[in-house]
């Protein structure tokens, strides 16, 4: 996904600039949600993915840290998008 600016002219000759984003499907969007998508939670590791050797950090510890970061990012996103569905 790429971000860019689209420039044009308004009626009085004043340049109009708006942000746009190139979506993965090749389309361009100027929708605010396309520019600031809702964070997605990290994928949880399978229970059998742990080797059981007491690794530090364990893959489950790493997932817990990723979930903490996801929750922080989601709270910040919801503050920026108060009208978004919960």
Foldseek 3Di string as FASTA:
>chain_A
DAKDWDWDADPVRDIDIAIWGQDPVRDIDRDPCVVPPADDQDDQDDPVVWPPPPDVVTSNVVSVVSRVVNVVSNVVVCVVVVPDDD
